[in-house]
Structure formats: C-alpha cells, structure tokens
C-alpha atoms as a PDB file:
ATOM      1  CA  MET A   1      20.908   8.346 -22.471  1.00  0.00           C
ATOM      2  CA  PRO A   2      20.917  11.541 -24.579  1.00  0.00           C
ATOM      3  CA  LEU A   3      22.867  14.451 -23.141  1.00  0.00           C
ATOM      4  CA  ALA A   4      19.978  16.859 -23.691  1.00  0.00           C
ATOM      5  CA  PHE A   5      17.713  14.608 -21.617  1.00  0.00           C
ATOM      6  CA  LEU A   6      20.254  14.483 -18.788  1.00  0.00           C
ATOM      7  CA  ILE A   7      20.595  18.259 -18.863  1.00  0.00           C
ATOM      8  CA  GLY A   8      16.818  18.552 -18.652  1.00  0.00           C
ATOM      9  CA  LEU A   9      16.719  16.330 -15.576  1.00  0.00           C
ATOM     10  CA  VAL A  10      19.391  18.402 -13.868  1.00  0.00           C
ATOM     11  CA  GLN A  11      17.401  21.541 -14.656  1.00  0.00           C
ATOM     12  CA  ILE A  12      14.316  19.986 -13.043  1.00  0.00           C
ATOM     13  CA  ALA A  13      16.205  19.459  -9.808  1.00  0.00           C
ATOM     14  CA  ALA A  14      17.755  22.927  -9.891  1.00  0.00           C
ATOM     15  CA  THR A  15      14.640  24.947 -10.711  1.00  0.00           C
ATOM     16  CA  PHE A  16      11.861  23.042  -8.934  1.00  0.00           C
ATOM     17  CA  VAL A  17      10.253  25.028  -6.093  1.00  0.00           C
ATOM     18  CA  PRO A  18       7.977  22.950  -3.823  1.00  0.00           C
ATOM     19  CA  ALA A  19       4.461  23.959  -2.848  1.00  0.00           C
ATOM     20  CA  GLN A  20       4.242  26.040   0.329  1.00  0.00           C
ATOM     21  CA  ARG A  21       1.235  26.178   2.643  1.00  0.00           C
ATOM     22  CA  SER A  22      -0.523  29.538   2.705  1.00  0.00           C
ATOM     23  CA  GLY A  23      -3.534  28.868   4.944  1.00  0.00           C
ATOM     24  CA  GLY A  24      -6.110  26.527   6.407  1.00  0.00           C
ATOM     25  CA  PRO A  25      -7.123  25.191   9.840  1.00  0.00           C
ATOM     26  CA  LEU A  26      -5.277  22.748  12.063  1.00  0.00           C
ATOM     27  CA  PRO A  27      -7.083  19.593  13.196  1.00  0.00           C
ATOM     28  CA  PRO A  28      -8.275  19.386  16.803  1.00  0.00           C
ATOM     29  CA  LEU A  29      -6.576  17.345  19.484  1.00  0.00           C
ATOM     30  CA  PRO A  30      -8.251  13.963  19.975  1.00  0.00           C
ATOM     31  CA  ALA A  31     -10.683  14.024  22.874  1.00  0.00           C
ATOM     32  CA  ASN A  32      -9.871  11.651  25.728  1.00  0.00           C
ATOM     33  CA  ALA A  33      -6.923  10.066  23.892  1.00  0.00           C
ATOM     34  CA  THR A  34      -4.864   7.650  25.989  1.00  0.00           C
ATOM     35  CA  GLY A  35      -2.185   6.798  23.407  1.00  0.00           C
ATOM     36  CA  TRP A  36      -0.127   8.430  20.685  1.00  0.00           C
ATOM     37  CA  THR A  37      -1.963   9.590  17.572  1.00  0.00           C
ATOM     38  CA  ASP A  38       0.541   9.213  14.747  1.00  0.00           C
ATOM     39  CA  SER A  39      -0.589   9.588  11.146  1.00  0.00           C
ATOM     40  CA  SER A  40       0.840  10.589   7.751  1.00  0.00           C
ATOM     41  CA  PHE A  41      -0.973  11.988   4.715  1.00  0.00           C
ATOM     42  CA  GLU A  42      -0.069  12.810   1.116  1.00  0.00           C
ATOM     43  CA  LEU A  43      -1.851  15.877  -0.233  1.00  0.00           C
ATOM     44  CA  SER A  44      -2.380  16.250  -3.977  1.00  0.00           C
ATOM     45  CA  VAL A  45      -2.124  19.975  -4.708  1.00  0.00           C
ATOM     46  CA  ASP A  46      -3.079  21.373  -8.114  1.00  0.00           C
ATOM     47  CA  ALA A  47      -1.435  24.207 -10.035  1.00  0.00           C
ATOM     48  CA  ALA A  48      -3.788  26.691  -8.370  1.00  0.00           C
ATOM     49  CA  GLY A  49      -2.674  25.619  -4.885  1.00  0.00           C
ATOM     50  CA  VAL A  50      -5.913  23.797  -4.059  1.00  0.00           C
ATOM     51  CA  VAL A  51      -5.907  20.408  -2.315  1.00  0.00           C
ATOM     52  CA  GLN A  52      -7.597  17.955  -4.654  1.00  0.00           C
ATOM     53  CA  ALA A  53      -7.129  14.778  -2.600  1.00  0.00           C
ATOM     54  CA  VAL A  54      -5.850  13.600   0.767  1.00  0.00           C
ATOM     55  CA  THR A  55      -4.395  10.080   0.834  1.00  0.00           C
ATOM     56  CA  THR A  56      -3.741   8.383   4.150  1.00  0.00           C
ATOM     57  CA  ILE A  57      -0.336   6.709   4.157  1.00  0.00           C
ATOM     58  CA  ALA A  58      -0.264   5.426   7.729  1.00  0.00           C
ATOM     59  CA  ALA A  59      -2.553   6.166  10.638  1.00  0.00           C
ATOM     60  CA  THR A  60      -3.481   5.389  14.185  1.00  0.00           C
ATOM     61  CA  PRO A  61      -6.913   3.745  13.906  1.00  0.00           C
ATOM     62  CA  GLY A  62      -9.686   6.326  13.838  1.00  0.00           C
ATOM     63  CA  SER A  63      -7.438   9.351  13.365  1.00  0.00           C
ATOM     64  CA  PRO A  64      -8.028  10.116   9.637  1.00  0.00           C
ATOM     65  CA  ALA A  65     -11.640  11.097  10.330  1.00  0.00           C
ATOM     66  CA  LEU A  66     -10.346  13.646  12.848  1.00  0.00           C
ATOM     67  CA  ILE A  67      -7.495  15.038  10.736  1.00  0.00           C
ATOM     68  CA  GLU A  68      -8.466  14.857   7.055  1.00  0.00           C
ATOM     69  CA  PRO A  69     -11.290  17.463   7.129  1.00  0.00           C
ATOM     70  CA  ALA A  70      -8.823  20.176   8.176  1.00  0.00           C
ATOM     71  CA  LEU A  71      -6.190  19.161   5.615  1.00  0.00           C
ATOM     72  CA  LYS A  72      -8.740  19.324   2.799  1.00  0.00           C
ATOM     73  CA  GLN A  73      -9.166  23.033   3.571  1.00  0.00           C
ATOM     74  CA  TRP A  74      -5.472  23.882   3.305  1.00  0.00           C
ATOM     75  CA  THR A  75      -4.293  26.180   0.530  1.00  0.00           C
ATOM     76  CA  PHE A  76      -0.847  26.480  -1.000  1.00  0.00           C
ATOM     77  CA  GLN A  77       1.370  28.644  -3.071  1.00  0.00           C
ATOM     78  CA  PRO A  78       1.744  26.050  -5.840  1.00  0.00           C
ATOM     79  CA  ALA A  79       4.942  24.364  -6.849  1.00  0.00           C
ATOM     80  CA  GLY A  80       6.773  25.736  -9.860  1.00  0.00           C
ATOM     81  CA  ASP A  81       9.688  25.235 -12.213  1.00  0.00           C
ATOM     82  CA  GLY A  82      10.593  28.857 -12.776  1.00  0.00           C
ATOM     83  CA  THR A  83       8.227  29.244 -15.718  1.00  0.00           C
ATOM     84  CA  ALA A  84       4.793  28.040 -14.597  1.00  0.00           C
ATOM     85  CA  PRO A  85       2.916  26.705 -11.542  1.00  0.00           C
ATOM     86  CA  LEU A  86       2.772  22.931 -11.256  1.00  0.00           C
ATOM     87  CA  SER A  87       0.672  20.323  -9.562  1.00  0.00           C
ATOM     88  CA  SER A  88       2.558  18.451  -6.849  1.00  0.00           C
ATOM     89  CA  SER A  89       2.274  16.352  -3.707  1.00  0.00           C
ATOM     90  CA  VAL A  90       2.930  17.411  -0.112  1.00  0.00           C
ATOM     91  CA  LEU A  91       3.602  15.235   2.935  1.00  0.00           C
ATOM     92  CA  VAL A  92       1.860  16.044   6.229  1.00  0.00           C
ATOM     93  CA  VAL A  93       2.793  14.153   9.403  1.00  0.00           C
ATOM     94  CA  THR A  94       0.704  14.465  12.568  1.00  0.00           C
ATOM     95  CA  VAL A  95       2.004  13.471  15.989  1.00  0.00           C
ATOM     96  CA  PHE A  96      -0.375  14.041  18.894  1.00  0.00           C
ATOM     97  CA  ARG A  97       1.042  13.267  22.302  1.00  0.00           C
ATOM     98  CA  PRO A  98      -0.988  11.333  24.887  1.00  0.00           C
ATOM     99  CA  PRO A  99      -1.535  12.985  28.293  1.00  0.00           C
ATOM    100  CA  ILE A 100       1.866  11.951  29.676  1.00  0.00           C
ATOM    101  CA  LEU A 101       4.890  14.074  30.541  1.00  0.00           C
ATOM    102  CA  TYR A 102       7.683  12.044  28.952  1.00  0.00           C
ATOM    103  CA  ASN A 103       8.168  10.126  25.691  1.00  0.00           C
ATOM    104  CA  GLY A 104       7.401   6.782  27.262  1.00  0.00           C
ATOM    105  CA  PRO A 105       4.998   4.005  26.324  1.00  0.00           C
ATOM    106  CA  ALA A 106       1.287   4.676  26.543  1.00  0.00           C
ATOM    107  CA  LEU A 107      -1.979   2.921  25.941  1.00  0.00           C
ATOM    108  CA  GLY A 108      -3.435   2.870  22.441  1.00  0.00           C
ATOM    109  CA  GLU A 109      -2.654   1.317  19.063  1.00  0.00           C
ATOM    110  CA  PRO A 110       0.388   2.098  16.908  1.00  0.00           C
ATOM    111  CA  PRO A 111      -0.080   3.529  13.386  1.00  0.00           C
ATOM    112  CA  LYS A 112      -0.927   1.046  10.653  1.00  0.00           C
ATOM    113  CA  PRO A 113       0.113   1.322   6.984  1.00  0.00           C
ATOM    114  CA  VAL A 114      -2.762   2.187   4.664  1.00  0.00           C
ATOM    115  CA  ASN A 115      -1.199   3.243   1.336  1.00  0.00           C
ATOM    116  CA  PRO A 116       2.458   3.410   0.288  1.00  0.00           C
ATOM    117  CA  PRO A 117       3.844   6.936  -0.095  1.00  0.00           C
ATOM    118  CA  SER A 118       4.557   8.004  -3.652  1.00  0.00           C
ATOM    119  CA  ALA A 119       8.035   8.967  -4.813  1.00  0.00           C
ATOM    120  CA  ALA A 120       6.762  12.550  -5.156  1.00  0.00           C
ATOM    121  CA  VAL A 121       6.941  13.127  -1.388  1.00  0.00           C
ATOM    122  CA  PRO A 122       9.848  12.648   0.999  1.00  0.00           C
ATOM    123  CA  TRP A 123       9.453   9.961   3.629  1.00  0.00           C
ATOM    124  CA  PRO A 124      10.846  10.032   7.191  1.00  0.00           C
ATOM    125  CA  LEU A 125      13.655   7.572   7.843  1.00  0.00           C
ATOM    126  CA  THR A 126      14.395   8.711  11.393  1.00  0.00           C
ATOM    127  CA  ARG A 127      12.129  10.695  13.697  1.00  0.00           C
ATOM    128  CA  THR A 128      12.355  12.359  17.103  1.00  0.00           C
ATOM    129  CA  THR A 129       9.303  13.389  19.130  1.00  0.00           C
ATOM    130  CA  PRO A 130       9.344  16.254  21.637  1.00  0.00           C
ATOM    131  CA  ALA A 131       8.545  15.721  25.292  1.00  0.00           C
ATOM    132  CA  TYR A 132       5.898  17.835  26.957  1.00  0.00           C
ATOM    133  CA  PRO A 133       7.457  21.074  28.327  1.00  0.00           C
ATOM    134  CA  VAL A 134       8.033  20.501  32.030  1.00  0.00           C
ATOM    135  CA  SER A 135       7.152  24.118  32.851  1.00  0.00           C
ATOM    136  CA  ALA A 136       3.874  24.131  30.905  1.00  0.00           C
ATOM    137  CA  ILE A 137       0.352  23.498  32.205  1.00  0.00           C
ATOM    138  CA  ASP A 138      -1.698  23.775  29.006  1.00  0.00           C
ATOM    139  CA  GLU A 139      -2.396  21.957  25.746  1.00  0.00           C
ATOM    140  CA  ALA A 140      -1.180  23.206  22.379  1.00  0.00           C
ATOM    141  CA  MET A 141      -0.988  22.587  18.649  1.00  0.00           C
ATOM    142  CA  VAL A 142       2.167  23.414  16.685  1.00  0.00           C
ATOM    143  CA  LEU A 143       2.683  23.380  12.917  1.00  0.00           C
ATOM    144  CA  VAL A 144       6.290  22.999  11.793  1.00  0.00           C
ATOM    145  CA  GLU A 145       7.163  23.863   8.188  1.00  0.00           C
ATOM    146  CA  THR A 146      10.196  21.818   7.212  1.00  0.00           C
ATOM    147  CA  SER A 147      12.453  22.279   4.184  1.00  0.00           C
ATOM    148  CA  VAL A 148      14.055  19.027   3.044  1.00  0.00           C
ATOM    149  CA  ASP A 149      16.925  19.106   0.561  1.00  0.00           C
ATOM    150  CA  ARG A 150      17.730  16.749  -2.313  1.00  0.00           C
ATOM    151  CA  GLU A 151      19.756  14.523   0.031  1.00  0.00           C
ATOM    152  CA  GLY A 152      16.888  14.114   2.479  1.00  0.00           C
ATOM    153  CA  ASN A 153      18.331  16.393   5.164  1.00  0.00           C
ATOM    154  CA  VAL A 154      16.343  19.040   7.027  1.00  0.00           C
ATOM    155  CA  ARG A 155      17.738  22.399   5.939  1.00  0.00           C
ATOM    156  CA  ALA A 156      15.248  24.581   7.797  1.00  0.00           C
ATOM    157  CA  ALA A 157      12.355  24.150  10.208  1.00  0.00           C
ATOM    158  CA  SER A 158      10.160  26.803  11.757  1.00  0.00           C
ATOM    159  CA  ALA A 159       6.856  26.966  13.603  1.00  0.00           C
ATOM    160  CA  THR A 160       4.166  28.677  11.551  1.00  0.00           C
ATOM    161  CA  ALA A 161       1.525  28.074  14.239  1.00  0.00           C
ATOM    162  CA  GLY A 162       1.885  27.604  17.979  1.00  0.00           C
ATOM    163  CA  ALA A 163       3.811  29.394  20.692  1.00  0.00           C
ATOM    164  CA  ALA A 164       6.770  28.705  22.968  1.00  0.00           C
ATOM    165  CA  PRO A 165       7.665  26.594  24.842  1.00  0.00           C
ATOM    166  CA  PHE A 166       5.710  24.072  22.756  1.00  0.00           C
ATOM    167  CA  SER A 167       6.881  25.427  19.383  1.00  0.00           C
ATOM    168  CA  THR A 168      10.513  25.491  20.513  1.00  0.00           C
ATOM    169  CA  LEU A 169      10.510  21.811  21.450  1.00  0.00           C
ATOM    170  CA  ALA A 170       8.583  20.786  18.323  1.00  0.00           C
ATOM    171  CA  VAL A 171      11.037  22.555  15.996  1.00  0.00           C
ATOM    172  CA  GLN A 172      14.056  21.146  17.852  1.00  0.00           C
ATOM    173  CA  ALA A 173      12.680  17.621  17.424  1.00  0.00           C
ATOM    174  CA  VAL A 174      11.824  17.951  13.724  1.00  0.00           C
ATOM    175  CA  ARG A 175      15.266  19.391  12.930  1.00  0.00           C
ATOM    176  CA  GLN A 176      16.664  15.956  13.836  1.00  0.00           C
ATOM    177  CA  TRP A 177      14.528  14.045  11.331  1.00  0.00           C
ATOM    178  CA  THR A 178      16.013  12.524   8.174  1.00  0.00           C
ATOM    179  CA  PHE A 179      14.164  11.620   4.987  1.00  0.00           C
ATOM    180  CA  ARG A 180      14.197   9.658   1.807  1.00  0.00           C
ATOM    181  CA  PRO A 181      14.135  12.626  -0.594  1.00  0.00           C
ATOM    182  CA  ALA A 182      11.224  13.452  -2.870  1.00  0.00           C
ATOM    183  CA  ARG A 183      11.644  12.775  -6.590  1.00  0.00           C
ATOM    184  CA  ARG A 184      10.238  14.404  -9.697  1.00  0.00           C
ATOM    185  CA  ASP A 185      10.681  12.561 -12.999  1.00  0.00           C
ATOM    186  CA  GLY A 186      13.032  10.232 -11.119  1.00  0.00           C
ATOM    187  CA  ILE A 187      15.326  13.038  -9.956  1.00  0.00           C
ATOM    188  CA  PRO A 188      15.695  14.009  -6.259  1.00  0.00           C
ATOM    189  CA  VAL A 189      14.236  17.451  -5.572  1.00  0.00           C
ATOM    190  CA  SER A 190      13.827  19.703  -2.569  1.00  0.00           C
ATOM    191  CA  SER A 191      10.493  19.563  -0.765  1.00  0.00           C
ATOM    192  CA  LYS A 192       8.379  20.896   2.072  1.00  0.00           C
ATOM    193  CA  VAL A 193       7.046  18.692   4.862  1.00  0.00           C
ATOM    194  CA  TYR A 194       4.452  19.858   7.354  1.00  0.00           C
ATOM    195  CA  VAL A 195       4.564  18.315  10.824  1.00  0.00           C
ATOM    196  CA  ILE A 196       1.657  18.938  13.188  1.00  0.00           C
ATOM    197  CA  VAL A 197       2.543  18.271  16.823  1.00  0.00           C
ATOM    198  CA  GLY A 198      -0.256  18.167  19.356  1.00  0.00           C
ATOM    199  CA  PHE A 199       0.522  18.468  23.067  1.00  0.00           C
ATOM    200  CA  ALA A 200      -2.136  17.125  25.403  1.00  0.00           C
ATOM    201  CA  ARG A 201      -2.075  18.337  28.992  1.00  0.00           C
ATOM    202  CA  PRO A 202      -0.486  15.562  31.101  1.00  0.00           C
ATOM    203  CA  VAL A 203      -2.626  13.794  33.662  1.00  0.00           C
ATOM    204  CA  THR A 204      -1.003  14.155  37.061  1.00  0.00           C
END
C-alpha cells in the first residue's frame, strides 16, 4: 500500500470532527407503555447539517412512528475534516423506561433488528440503563451527548436536555457504555452518539 495513501488515512482519523447536534425536538414518552421502548436510528446528515434520512436499525415494535418525526427535525453543526464541512452519519439510541422503579423485567416486546448499522456510526457493545430516581415523583426526558473515541470508549458524556436527578443517572449510565468505533474510509474515527432516556413515572 503506498505510503502517501497510508498518510492520508492517518490524517483522516486525526482531523475528522464528527457532526454535533445543534437543535430540534425530543420525541414524546409513549402513552400507556407497559414495557421498555428501546430503539436505535442512523441519521444521514448532509454538509449543511440537515437530516436527509432516518434509518431504523433496531426498534421495539411501533416505536419508530413515535420517534422518527422528532429526529427528522434535528439540526447539526456538520462534520468536517479541517478544510470543509462533510456529510456524515449519526447514531441515536432511545431508551424509554416502563413505569417501574427498578431495572427489572417488564411486559412488552424486546427490540427487533430492522437494518444493520453502517460502519460510519459506532455501535454499542455493552450498555447500562439507569434506574428511576428513588426520590423522584415525575416523568422526564434526558438527552445525553456522548463522545466516543477511536477505540470505542466513551470519553465524555453530558446532558444537553433534562434536569437532575434524572440527567445525573442517565449520564452515569451512558458513561459505562462501550462501542465498536465508527469508521471513515475504513479508518476508526471519533464520533458523537446521542442517547435519549425517557423516565416514566412508576406505578405504585
């Protein structure tokens, strides 16, 4: 393999900046849900930061119709390579808790695979879900922006929507996730993952 080509690949990994969400609504909590709502989506974002397509990767039956309309309205600061904005793909994972206090089994169907994720997005290898805050009495939605490095490790996670104590528990859980890293032109690159955690008020 030519040295110049190898140098170019290294430069891709070093200079690539992933797309970062700049706005858009969060989806609503499912009404009267009795089980976990667990779905993953790959967003195709153009060089202007506009979502051109939302592809369902895996989903709890019925959930894409609830979630996709909000994701289509998201906007991004586009990805770049240090010289120009680029089109890219972004992974969004949604985890909506059922109305139970702890992370135990619940009624409902598990997520089903719909489309394989592309190599352009990272993919979770291990996941942790937060329990409902024992001191809380409300429902909440939290959006966690997660920075994943070229080895698939979470380097940073912060709540860009939602308040404590829900946001605190959501961020703590996502910090424990691990990923298969995203790739661009076959080379691992850093990426952003957006995790939406919905907390339904437990039924007591």
